[in-house]
Amino acid sequence: MYREKIDAYIDSKKDEMIEDLKTLVRIDSQRGRAKEGKPFGDGPAKVVAAAEGLMKQYGLQTTNYDNYVVTGDFGTQEKALDILAHLDVVPVTEDWTVTEPFQPKVVDGRIYGRGTADDKGPAIAALYALRAIRELGLPMKKSVRLILGSDEECGSGDLEYYYAKEQEAPYTFTPDADFPLINIEKGSFKGEFSADFPAEDAKAYVVSFTSGDKVNVVPARATLVVAGVEAAVVEEAAARVTAQTNVAFITESQADGTVKVSARGVAAHASTPAEGKNALTATLRLITALPLDATKGLTALLGLEALFPYEDTCGKQAGIDRENEESGALTLCFSIMDYTPEHLHAIFDARLPIGCTKENTSYPVKEALAQYGITLDNDELREPHCVPGDSWFVQTLLGSYERYFGKKGKALSTGGGTYVHELERGVAFGCMVPEVDNHMHGDDEFMEIEMLLRSAKIFADAIMKICNAE
């Protein structure tokens, strides 16, 4: 059988695989300012070019879709399968300890760096699965295409562009989540809201409050500036909030008499907000503990703390908590805040189980915010995604998982939106496992090298089954 050949081949290419992954990780591919021929900025365009070079090097027939997406085709036969991965990454902080985010480093069987787990490492695993099949000369009745995009973290505009030109394959999987397999993805509600405030005469007030830069990340930092409150009073209140939340605060007296407060929490993916320490909601709690003058702006801030308190990551206080047996419970991450005495703009990210509708989700939030003079600016929901767990495709992929993990596979649900959410026949398949915290979207992100190798073997096995099926 081909399994022994694939296993031996991929094991023999371990060092090359690591070096190819390092090549991609060294490129800062956060979304930047659009330029001519670079729709998502310099970094994403550079990483697309680097990936295209690797695919050409390993014999794939490549097509660059104007730096939105690059594809590599195994052959010219009828296409049976697309494998979809992304090369863009989320922002980084200065709090990495093992290495710098874009200086990949191997330590104790792990490779550290931004994108090693999400999603450059999985992209390399898929590439090496194709390389193994091609260089071993294994038979393929149908073809497979590797699709590498550059905008998954900021809205998947890359796929919108690509699928306006190309058809969805009969089957698609993305190595953008966990093994065994994810066939249900929650829907989402990006609640964006704002308020304008009249000029008011206040002595003790919030001068500014900012936190977060990505809607799908638990904010690890927040900055608050208050006037008319002594630094010692702020420090005492901050200590009490730290005791409740484990979010740290640093206070600094400014030359103009104001007090600046810097909050430091822990980042996490917005689909698992309980795994982080939200600096934004902790700072809202601090505001409620300060002796500030009553203004319409303060009323709005106090209202937000009441609707989205630090401990509540399921939307209970906002009146939208729901749970479904198949898809799990609703989660909510308050992720972006920009406040001045004249204006407030903020966004939360809710992940929605099956059964959520405008009537029971966005409308209640709209009414709750309105009580505090805040306007919900959008009420559109993204529907949940589901591919039947008993389908041939899902069962085939689970069979490949079972061969290499030695245990029964089960289709799962996730709150994270993967790269196949909008594809009718798309599922998420690898590369991580729930019991290992890869720090995805957080500091010191890593991929276990053994898991990278095993994933490549699993993908090759699945490709062989799907592309040789009658």
Protein backbone atom coordinates (compact mmCIF):
# COMPACT_ATOMS: atom_id res chain seq x y z
CA MET A 1 0.00 0.00 0.00
CA TYR A 2 0.97 3.63 -0.45
CA ARG A 3 0.80 4.55 3.26
CA GLU A 4 4.29 3.26 4.07
CA LYS A 5 5.77 5.15 1.11
CA ILE A 6 4.02 8.39 2.09
CA ASP A 7 5.05 8.10 5.72
CA ALA A 8 8.69 7.45 4.89
CA TYR A 9 8.79 10.23 2.31
CA ILE A 10 7.33 12.88 4.61
CA ASP A 11 9.57 11.85 7.50
CA SER A 12 12.56 12.23 5.19
CA LYS A 13 11.50 15.79 4.30
CA LYS A 14 11.14 17.01 7.89
CA ASP A 15 14.00 19.51 7.73
CA GLU A 16 12.90 20.86 4.34
CA MET A 17 9.35 21.28 5.60
CA ILE A 18 10.55 23.28 8.60
CA GLU A 19 12.72 25.52 6.41
CA ASP A 20 9.85 26.16 3.99
CA LEU A 21 7.60 27.09 6.89
CA LYS A 22 10.25 29.44 8.24
CA THR A 23 10.36 31.15 4.83
CA LEU A 24 6.65 31.99 5.11
CA VAL A 25 6.69 32.89 8.81
CA ARG A 26 9.50 35.42 8.31
CA ILE A 27 7.11 37.47 6.17
CA ASP A 28 4.92 39.86 8.17
CA SER A 29 1.67 39.20 6.32
CA GLN A 30 -0.71 41.28 8.41
CA ARG A 31 -3.17 43.14 6.24
CA GLY A 32 -1.87 46.54 5.20
CA ARG A 33 -2.87 49.44 2.99
CA ALA A 34 -4.06 48.43 -0.46
CA LYS A 35 -1.78 49.34 -3.36
CA GLU A 36 -1.78 48.79 -7.08
CA GLY A 37 -1.50 45.03 -7.57
CA LYS A 38 -1.44 44.47 -3.81
CA PRO A 39 -5.06 44.39 -2.63
CA PHE A 40 -4.17 43.70 1.01
CA GLY A 41 -0.84 45.50 1.20
CA ASP A 42 2.83 44.61 0.86
CA GLY A 43 3.04 41.71 3.34
CA PRO A 44 0.18 39.61 1.97
CA ALA A 45 1.41 40.11 -1.60
CA LYS A 46 4.94 39.12 -0.58
CA VAL A 47 3.82 35.91 1.14
CA VAL A 48 1.62 34.97 -1.85
CA ALA A 49 4.68 35.30 -4.09
CA ALA A 50 6.79 33.19 -1.72
CA ALA A 51 4.15 30.46 -1.59
CA GLU A 52 3.82 30.47 -5.37
CA GLY A 53 7.56 29.96 -5.60
CA LEU A 54 7.37 26.90 -3.34
CA MET A 55 4.48 25.39 -5.29
CA LYS A 56 6.33 25.85 -8.59
CA GLN A 57 9.46 24.37 -7.05
CA TYR A 58 7.51 21.21 -6.19
CA GLY A 59 5.94 20.79 -9.62
CA LEU A 60 2.47 22.27 -9.17
CA GLN A 61 0.86 24.30 -11.94
CA THR A 62 0.31 27.71 -10.38
CA THR A 63 -2.06 30.58 -11.05
CA ASN A 64 -1.83 33.91 -9.25
CA TYR A 65 -5.23 35.62 -9.00
CA ASP A 66 -3.94 39.20 -8.80
CA ASN A 67 -2.36 38.63 -5.39
CA TYR A 68 -5.68 37.80 -3.80
CA VAL A 69 -5.10 34.05 -4.03
CA VAL A 70 -2.50 31.74 -5.52
CA THR A 71 -3.38 28.19 -6.54
CA GLY A 72 -1.37 25.07 -7.31
CA ASP A 73 -2.87 22.25 -9.38
CA PHE A 74 -1.65 18.68 -9.17
CA GLY A 75 -2.67 17.78 -12.70
CA THR A 76 -5.06 18.45 -15.57
CA GLN A 77 -7.63 15.76 -14.77
CA GLU A 78 -11.11 16.55 -13.55
CA LYS A 79 -10.83 18.23 -10.17
CA ALA A 80 -12.26 16.37 -7.16
CA LEU A 81 -10.89 18.32 -4.22
CA ASP A 82 -9.82 21.80 -3.13
CA ILE A 83 -7.61 22.34 -0.10
CA LEU A 84 -7.96 25.87 1.17
CA ALA A 85 -5.49 27.57 3.53
CA HIS A 86 -4.52 31.16 4.26
CA LEU A 87 -1.23 32.98 4.57
CA ASP A 88 -2.30 36.22 6.27
CA VAL A 89 -1.95 36.58 10.04
CA VAL A 90 -3.43 38.52 12.94
CA PRO A 91 -1.58 41.40 14.67
CA VAL A 92 1.19 40.82 17.18
CA THR A 93 2.12 42.33 20.53
CA GLU A 94 5.47 43.03 22.15
CA ASP A 95 4.91 40.31 24.73
CA TRP A 96 6.41 37.29 22.95
CA THR A 97 8.93 35.46 25.11
CA VAL A 98 10.33 32.54 23.08
CA THR A 99 11.20 34.51 19.95
CA GLU A 100 10.06 37.52 17.96
CA PRO A 101 6.80 36.93 16.04
CA PHE A 102 8.41 36.91 12.59
CA GLN A 103 11.66 35.19 13.59
CA PRO A 104 10.67 31.49 13.59
CA LYS A 105 12.48 29.34 16.11
CA VAL A 106 12.45 25.62 16.88
CA VAL A 107 12.45 24.78 20.59
CA ASP A 108 11.72 21.37 22.16
CA GLY A 109 9.91 19.92 19.17
CA ARG A 110 7.87 23.05 18.49
CA ILE A 111 8.28 25.78 15.90
CA TYR A 112 7.34 29.22 17.22
CA GLY A 113 6.27 32.26 15.21
CA ARG A 114 3.17 34.08 14.03
CA GLY A 115 1.28 31.87 11.58
CA THR A 116 2.95 28.58 12.51
CA ALA A 117 -0.45 27.25 13.63
CA ASP A 118 -2.78 29.69 11.84
CA ASP A 119 -2.39 28.99 8.98
CA LYS A 120 1.07 28.88 7.40
CA GLY A 121 2.06 25.61 9.09
CA PRO A 122 -1.09 23.82 7.90
CA ALA A 123 -0.57 25.26 4.41
CA ILE A 124 2.91 23.74 4.32
CA ALA A 125 1.54 20.39 5.54
CA ALA A 126 -0.95 20.38 2.66
CA LEU A 127 1.78 21.34 0.18
CA TYR A 128 3.97 18.47 1.35
CA ALA A 129 1.07 16.03 1.07
CA LEU A 130 0.81 16.97 -2.62
CA ARG A 131 4.57 16.90 -3.03
CA ALA A 132 4.73 13.39 -1.58
CA ILE A 133 2.05 12.03 -3.93
CA ARG A 134 3.62 13.68 -6.95
CA GLU A 135 7.25 12.74 -6.30
CA LEU A 136 6.33 9.18 -5.33
CA GLY A 137 4.40 8.84 -8.60
CA LEU A 138 1.24 7.56 -6.88
CA PRO A 139 -1.82 7.09 -9.12
CA MET A 140 -4.45 9.84 -9.21
CA LYS A 141 -7.66 9.47 -11.24
CA LYS A 142 -8.72 13.05 -10.45
CA SER A 143 -6.89 16.22 -9.55
CA VAL A 144 -6.59 18.33 -6.42
CA ARG A 145 -5.98 22.07 -6.10
CA LEU A 146 -4.18 23.83 -3.25
CA ILE A 147 -5.64 27.32 -2.76
CA LEU A 148 -3.65 29.76 -0.63
CA GLY A 149 -5.35 33.05 0.19
CA SER A 150 -4.28 36.27 1.88
CA ASP A 151 -7.28 37.82 3.66
CA GLU A 152 -8.94 35.23 5.90
CA GLU A 153 -8.38 37.19 9.09
CA CYS A 154 -10.01 40.39 7.80
CA GLY A 155 -13.13 39.23 6.01
CA SER A 156 -12.08 36.78 3.26
CA GLY A 157 -12.21 39.30 0.47
CA ASP A 158 -9.65 37.08 -1.23
CA LEU A 159 -12.14 34.23 -1.57
CA GLU A 160 -14.90 36.54 -2.74
CA TYR A 161 -12.58 37.55 -5.58
CA TYR A 162 -11.50 33.98 -6.34
CA TYR A 163 -14.96 32.39 -6.32
CA ALA A 164 -16.27 35.13 -8.59
CA LYS A 165 -13.97 33.55 -11.17
CA GLU A 166 -13.88 29.86 -10.20
CA GLN A 167 -16.36 27.16 -9.20
CA GLU A 168 -16.38 25.43 -5.83
CA ALA A 169 -14.89 21.92 -6.08
CA PRO A 170 -17.06 18.86 -5.40
CA TYR A 171 -15.31 18.69 -2.01
CA THR A 172 -13.23 21.18 -0.03
CA PHE A 173 -11.40 21.04 3.26
CA THR A 174 -9.33 23.63 5.08
CA PRO A 175 -6.63 22.82 7.65
CA ASP A 176 -7.66 25.93 9.58
CA ALA A 177 -8.99 24.43 12.81
CA ASP A 178 -8.87 21.15 14.76
CA PHE A 179 -8.76 17.43 14.20
CA PRO A 180 -10.76 15.21 14.07
CA LEU A 181 -13.00 17.36 11.80
CA ILE A 182 -15.34 20.32 12.06
CA ASN A 183 -18.54 20.11 10.03
CA ILE A 184 -20.56 22.76 11.91
CA GLU A 185 -19.45 26.37 12.30
CA LYS A 186 -21.40 28.85 14.33
CA GLY A 187 -22.79 31.94 12.71
CA SER A 188 -21.56 35.37 13.74
CA PHE A 189 -22.84 38.80 14.64
CA LYS A 190 -20.37 41.67 14.49
CA GLY A 191 -22.29 44.18 16.59
CA GLU A 192 -21.05 47.66 15.69
CA PHE A 193 -22.52 50.56 17.64
CA SER A 194 -21.96 54.26 18.27
CA ALA A 195 -23.17 57.35 20.10
CA ASP A 196 -22.64 61.10 19.93
CA PHE A 197 -22.65 63.26 23.05
CA PRO A 198 -23.41 66.95 23.60
CA ALA A 199 -20.81 69.24 25.14
CA GLU A 200 -21.13 69.09 28.93
CA ASP A 201 -19.37 70.89 31.75
CA ALA A 202 -17.63 68.18 33.75
CA LYS A 203 -14.53 68.26 35.94
CA ALA A 204 -14.08 64.53 36.59
CA TYR A 205 -14.53 62.65 33.34
CA VAL A 206 -13.09 60.15 30.85
CA VAL A 207 -10.85 62.02 28.40
CA SER A 208 -10.32 59.00 26.16
CA PHE A 209 -10.64 55.22 26.18
CA THR A 210 -9.29 52.98 23.43
CA SER A 211 -8.87 49.21 23.18
CA GLY A 212 -8.59 46.52 20.51
CA ASP A 213 -7.71 46.59 16.83
CA LYS A 214 -9.22 43.34 15.50
CA VAL A 215 -12.82 42.34 15.99
CA ASN A 216 -11.98 38.63 16.22
CA VAL A 217 -9.39 38.93 18.99
CA VAL A 218 -9.89 39.34 22.75
CA PRO A 219 -8.11 42.68 23.38
CA ALA A 220 -5.04 42.31 25.55
CA ARG A 221 -4.48 46.06 25.99
CA ALA A 222 -6.52 49.15 26.74
CA THR A 223 -5.63 52.78 27.41
CA LEU A 224 -7.75 55.05 29.58
CA VAL A 225 -7.17 58.73 30.36
CA VAL A 226 -9.22 60.41 33.11
CA ALA A 227 -9.33 64.01 34.32
CA GLY A 228 -10.31 65.33 37.74
CA VAL A 229 -9.44 62.20 39.71
CA GLU A 230 -6.31 61.84 41.85
CA ALA A 231 -3.83 59.17 40.80
CA ALA A 232 -4.02 57.50 44.21
CA VAL A 233 -7.78 57.08 43.85
CA VAL A 234 -7.35 55.56 40.39
CA GLU A 235 -4.64 53.21 41.66
CA GLU A 236 -6.81 52.01 44.55
CA ALA A 237 -9.75 51.30 42.22
CA ALA A 238 -7.46 49.59 39.71
CA ALA A 239 -6.12 47.28 42.42
CA ARG A 240 -9.65 46.19 43.27
CA VAL A 241 -10.46 45.47 39.61
CA THR A 242 -7.22 43.55 39.17
CA ALA A 243 -8.17 41.37 42.12
CA GLN A 244 -11.47 40.59 40.37
CA THR A 245 -10.18 40.09 36.81
CA ASN A 246 -6.41 39.41 36.91
CA VAL A 247 -6.02 42.21 34.35
CA ALA A 248 -3.07 44.42 35.36
CA PHE A 249 -3.20 48.23 35.37
CA ILE A 250 -0.36 50.77 35.30
CA THR A 251 -1.22 54.38 36.22
CA GLU A 252 0.80 57.45 35.24
CA SER A 253 0.24 61.08 36.23
CA GLN A 254 0.47 63.33 33.18
CA ALA A 255 1.85 66.87 32.94
CA ASP A 256 -1.62 68.24 32.19
CA GLY A 257 -3.04 66.83 35.42
CA THR A 258 -4.76 63.84 33.87
CA VAL A 259 -4.09 60.22 34.81
CA LYS A 260 -3.24 57.65 32.14
CA VAL A 261 -4.11 54.02 32.81
CA SER A 262 -2.67 51.17 30.74
CA ALA A 263 -4.42 47.82 31.04
CA ARG A 264 -2.76 44.55 30.16
CA GLY A 265 -4.77 41.35 29.81
CA VAL A 266 -4.34 38.20 27.70
CA ALA A 267 -5.32 37.88 24.04
CA ALA A 268 -7.36 34.95 22.73
CA HIS A 269 -9.49 34.09 19.73
CA ALA A 270 -12.89 35.78 19.85
CA SER A 271 -14.61 32.41 19.48
CA THR A 272 -13.20 31.36 22.86
CA PRO A 273 -13.36 34.61 24.86
CA ALA A 274 -13.26 32.84 28.22
CA GLU A 275 -9.68 31.77 27.43
CA GLY A 276 -8.47 35.38 27.40
CA LYS A 277 -8.41 38.25 29.88
CA ASN A 278 -10.29 41.10 28.25
CA ALA A 279 -8.53 44.41 28.93
CA LEU A 280 -11.46 46.34 27.43
CA THR A 281 -14.19 45.01 29.72
CA ALA A 282 -11.86 45.15 32.72
CA THR A 283 -11.25 48.83 32.00
CA LEU A 284 -15.00 49.42 31.73
CA ARG A 285 -15.27 47.97 35.23
CA LEU A 286 -12.56 50.33 36.41
CA ILE A 287 -14.52 53.29 35.04
CA THR A 288 -17.54 52.25 37.09
CA ALA A 289 -15.37 52.35 40.23
CA LEU A 290 -14.14 55.93 39.71
CA PRO A 291 -15.79 59.10 41.13
CA LEU A 292 -16.72 60.68 37.79
CA ASP A 293 -19.27 63.37 37.03
CA ALA A 294 -22.58 62.29 35.59
CA THR A 295 -22.58 62.91 31.83
CA LYS A 296 -24.31 61.28 28.92
CA GLY A 297 -20.97 59.80 27.89
CA LEU A 298 -20.50 58.24 31.31
CA THR A 299 -24.05 56.90 31.18
CA ALA A 300 -23.18 55.12 27.95
CA LEU A 301 -19.99 53.64 29.40
CA LEU A 302 -21.77 52.43 32.52
CA GLY A 303 -24.44 50.91 30.31
CA LEU A 304 -21.86 49.00 28.32
CA GLU A 305 -20.36 47.63 31.51
CA ALA A 306 -23.82 46.49 32.59
CA LEU A 307 -24.57 44.81 29.25
CA PHE A 308 -21.12 43.28 28.69
CA PRO A 309 -19.53 42.70 32.12
CA TYR A 310 -16.09 41.16 32.36
CA GLU A 311 -17.20 37.68 33.46
CA ASP A 312 -20.03 37.37 30.94
CA THR A 313 -18.76 35.82 27.70
CA CYS A 314 -22.08 34.32 26.62
CA GLY A 315 -24.27 37.40 26.15
CA LYS A 316 -26.43 36.71 29.19
CA GLN A 317 -26.66 40.30 30.42
CA ALA A 318 -27.37 41.48 26.89
CA GLY A 319 -30.27 39.02 26.77
CA ILE A 320 -29.03 36.86 23.89
CA ASP A 321 -27.51 33.77 25.51
CA ARG A 322 -28.64 30.62 23.69
CA GLU A 323 -27.42 27.03 23.32
CA ASN A 324 -27.94 24.28 20.77
CA GLU A 325 -27.07 20.62 21.27
CA GLU A 326 -25.26 20.31 17.93
CA SER A 327 -23.50 23.67 17.76
CA GLY A 328 -23.02 24.58 21.43
CA ALA A 329 -23.53 27.88 23.23
CA LEU A 330 -23.38 31.48 22.08
CA THR A 331 -20.14 33.33 22.91
CA LEU A 332 -19.55 37.07 22.96
CA CYS A 333 -16.29 39.03 22.88
CA PHE A 334 -16.31 42.84 23.33
CA SER A 335 -13.28 43.57 21.20
CA ILE A 336 -12.99 47.21 20.05
CA MET A 337 -13.60 50.53 21.83
CA ASP A 338 -12.89 54.14 20.85
CA TYR A 339 -14.32 56.77 23.19
CA THR A 340 -14.02 60.54 23.61
CA PRO A 341 -16.37 62.93 25.43
CA GLU A 342 -17.98 63.68 22.05
CA HIS A 343 -18.24 60.23 20.45
CA LEU A 344 -18.23 56.49 21.10
CA HIS A 345 -17.63 53.73 18.58
CA ALA A 346 -17.34 50.06 19.54
CA ILE A 347 -17.71 46.50 18.21
CA PHE A 348 -18.37 43.10 19.73
CA ASP A 349 -18.03 39.68 18.11
CA ALA A 350 -20.74 37.13 18.93
CA ARG A 351 -20.57 33.53 17.67
CA LEU A 352 -24.05 32.11 17.15
CA PRO A 353 -25.35 28.55 17.53
CA ILE A 354 -28.03 27.12 15.29
CA GLY A 355 -31.34 28.80 16.11
CA CYS A 356 -30.15 32.40 16.41
CA THR A 357 -32.14 34.93 14.39
CA LYS A 358 -32.39 38.70 14.17
CA GLU A 359 -35.50 38.50 16.30
CA ASN A 360 -33.78 36.79 19.23
CA THR A 361 -30.27 38.19 18.80
CA SER A 362 -29.65 41.53 17.11
CA TYR A 363 -33.01 43.10 17.91
CA PRO A 364 -32.69 42.58 21.70
CA VAL A 365 -29.18 44.05 21.63
CA LYS A 366 -30.45 47.05 19.70
CA GLU A 367 -33.14 47.71 22.29
CA ALA A 368 -30.75 47.24 25.22
CA LEU A 369 -28.19 49.67 23.79
CA ALA A 370 -30.85 52.26 23.03
CA GLN A 371 -31.62 52.51 26.76
CA TYR A 372 -28.20 54.11 27.19
CA GLY A 373 -28.35 56.41 24.16
CA ILE A 374 -26.31 54.06 21.96
CA THR A 375 -27.28 53.14 18.40
CA LEU A 376 -26.67 49.69 16.91
CA ASP A 377 -25.34 50.44 13.43
CA ASN A 378 -25.77 46.96 11.95
CA ASP A 379 -28.06 44.03 12.69
CA GLU A 380 -27.00 41.54 10.00
CA LEU A 381 -26.18 37.98 11.09
CA ARG A 382 -23.95 35.44 9.36
CA GLU A 383 -25.76 32.11 9.25
CA PRO A 384 -24.23 28.95 10.78
CA HIS A 385 -22.57 26.48 8.39
CA CYS A 386 -23.21 22.73 8.39
CA VAL A 387 -22.14 19.76 6.24
CA PRO A 388 -23.89 16.50 7.24
CA GLY A 389 -21.71 14.44 9.53
CA ASP A 390 -22.81 11.17 7.93
CA SER A 391 -21.84 12.22 4.38
CA TRP A 392 -19.30 10.17 2.39
CA PHE A 393 -16.88 13.08 2.35
CA VAL A 394 -16.90 13.61 6.13
CA GLN A 395 -16.64 9.89 6.83
CA THR A 396 -13.74 9.53 4.37
CA LEU A 397 -11.77 12.29 6.07
CA LEU A 398 -12.49 10.83 9.49
CA GLY A 399 -11.20 7.50 8.22
CA SER A 400 -7.84 9.10 7.36
CA TYR A 401 -7.74 10.72 10.79
CA GLU A 402 -8.44 7.39 12.47
CA ARG A 403 -5.63 5.65 10.56
CA TYR A 404 -3.03 8.03 12.01
CA PHE A 405 -4.45 8.76 15.45
CA GLY A 406 -5.57 5.22 16.22
CA LYS A 407 -8.91 6.25 17.68
CA LYS A 408 -12.44 6.91 16.53
CA GLY A 409 -13.04 10.25 14.87
CA LYS A 410 -16.07 12.44 15.43
CA ALA A 411 -17.38 15.47 13.58
CA LEU A 412 -17.37 18.56 15.80
CA SER A 413 -18.77 22.08 16.01
CA THR A 414 -16.74 25.29 16.41
CA GLY A 415 -17.37 28.90 17.26
CA GLY A 416 -14.49 29.95 15.04
CA GLY A 417 -15.28 30.81 11.47
CA THR A 418 -12.98 28.82 9.22
CA TYR A 419 -12.04 29.43 5.62
CA VAL A 420 -14.87 27.27 4.25
CA HIS A 421 -17.79 28.89 6.04
CA GLU A 422 -19.42 30.07 2.81
CA LEU A 423 -18.75 26.87 0.83
CA GLU A 424 -21.63 24.43 0.55
CA ARG A 425 -19.44 21.31 0.71
CA GLY A 426 -16.53 22.59 2.81
CA VAL A 427 -15.30 21.32 6.19
CA ALA A 428 -12.36 22.09 8.47
CA PHE A 429 -9.87 19.25 8.86
CA GLY A 430 -6.81 19.79 11.10
CA CYS A 431 -4.14 20.74 11.91
CA MET A 432 -4.47 21.21 15.65
CA VAL A 433 -5.97 19.09 18.41
CA PRO A 434 -8.19 20.44 21.21
CA GLU A 435 -5.92 19.23 23.99
CA VAL A 436 -2.96 21.38 22.83
CA ASP A 437 -3.13 25.17 23.19
CA ASN A 438 -1.14 26.48 20.23
CA HIS A 439 -1.67 30.11 21.36
CA MET A 440 -3.44 30.84 18.08
CA HIS A 441 -3.97 34.60 17.79
CA GLY A 442 -1.93 35.01 20.98
CA ASP A 443 1.69 35.48 22.04
CA ASP A 444 4.20 32.66 21.45
CA GLU A 445 2.07 30.90 18.83
CA PHE A 446 3.56 27.53 17.90
CA MET A 447 3.02 24.31 15.98
CA GLU A 448 4.27 20.95 17.18
CA ILE A 449 6.55 19.58 14.49
CA GLU A 450 5.31 16.02 14.98
CA MET A 451 1.77 17.25 14.37
CA LEU A 452 2.91 19.04 11.22
CA LEU A 453 4.35 15.80 9.87
CA ARG A 454 1.36 13.73 10.92
CA SER A 455 -1.01 16.24 9.31
CA ALA A 456 0.83 16.02 6.00
CA LYS A 457 0.49 12.22 6.08
CA ILE A 458 -3.22 12.42 6.92
CA PHE A 459 -3.83 14.90 4.11
CA ALA A 460 -1.98 12.71 1.61
CA ASP A 461 -4.03 9.70 2.67
CA ALA A 462 -7.29 11.64 2.31
CA ILE A 463 -6.29 13.04 -1.08
CA MET A 464 -5.55 9.55 -2.37
CA LYS A 465 -8.97 8.27 -1.25
CA ILE A 466 -10.99 11.20 -2.57
CA CYS A 467 -9.19 11.62 -5.88
CA ASN A 468 -9.26 7.90 -6.66
CA ALA A 469 -12.90 7.29 -5.74
CA GLU A 470 -15.20 6.15 -8.53
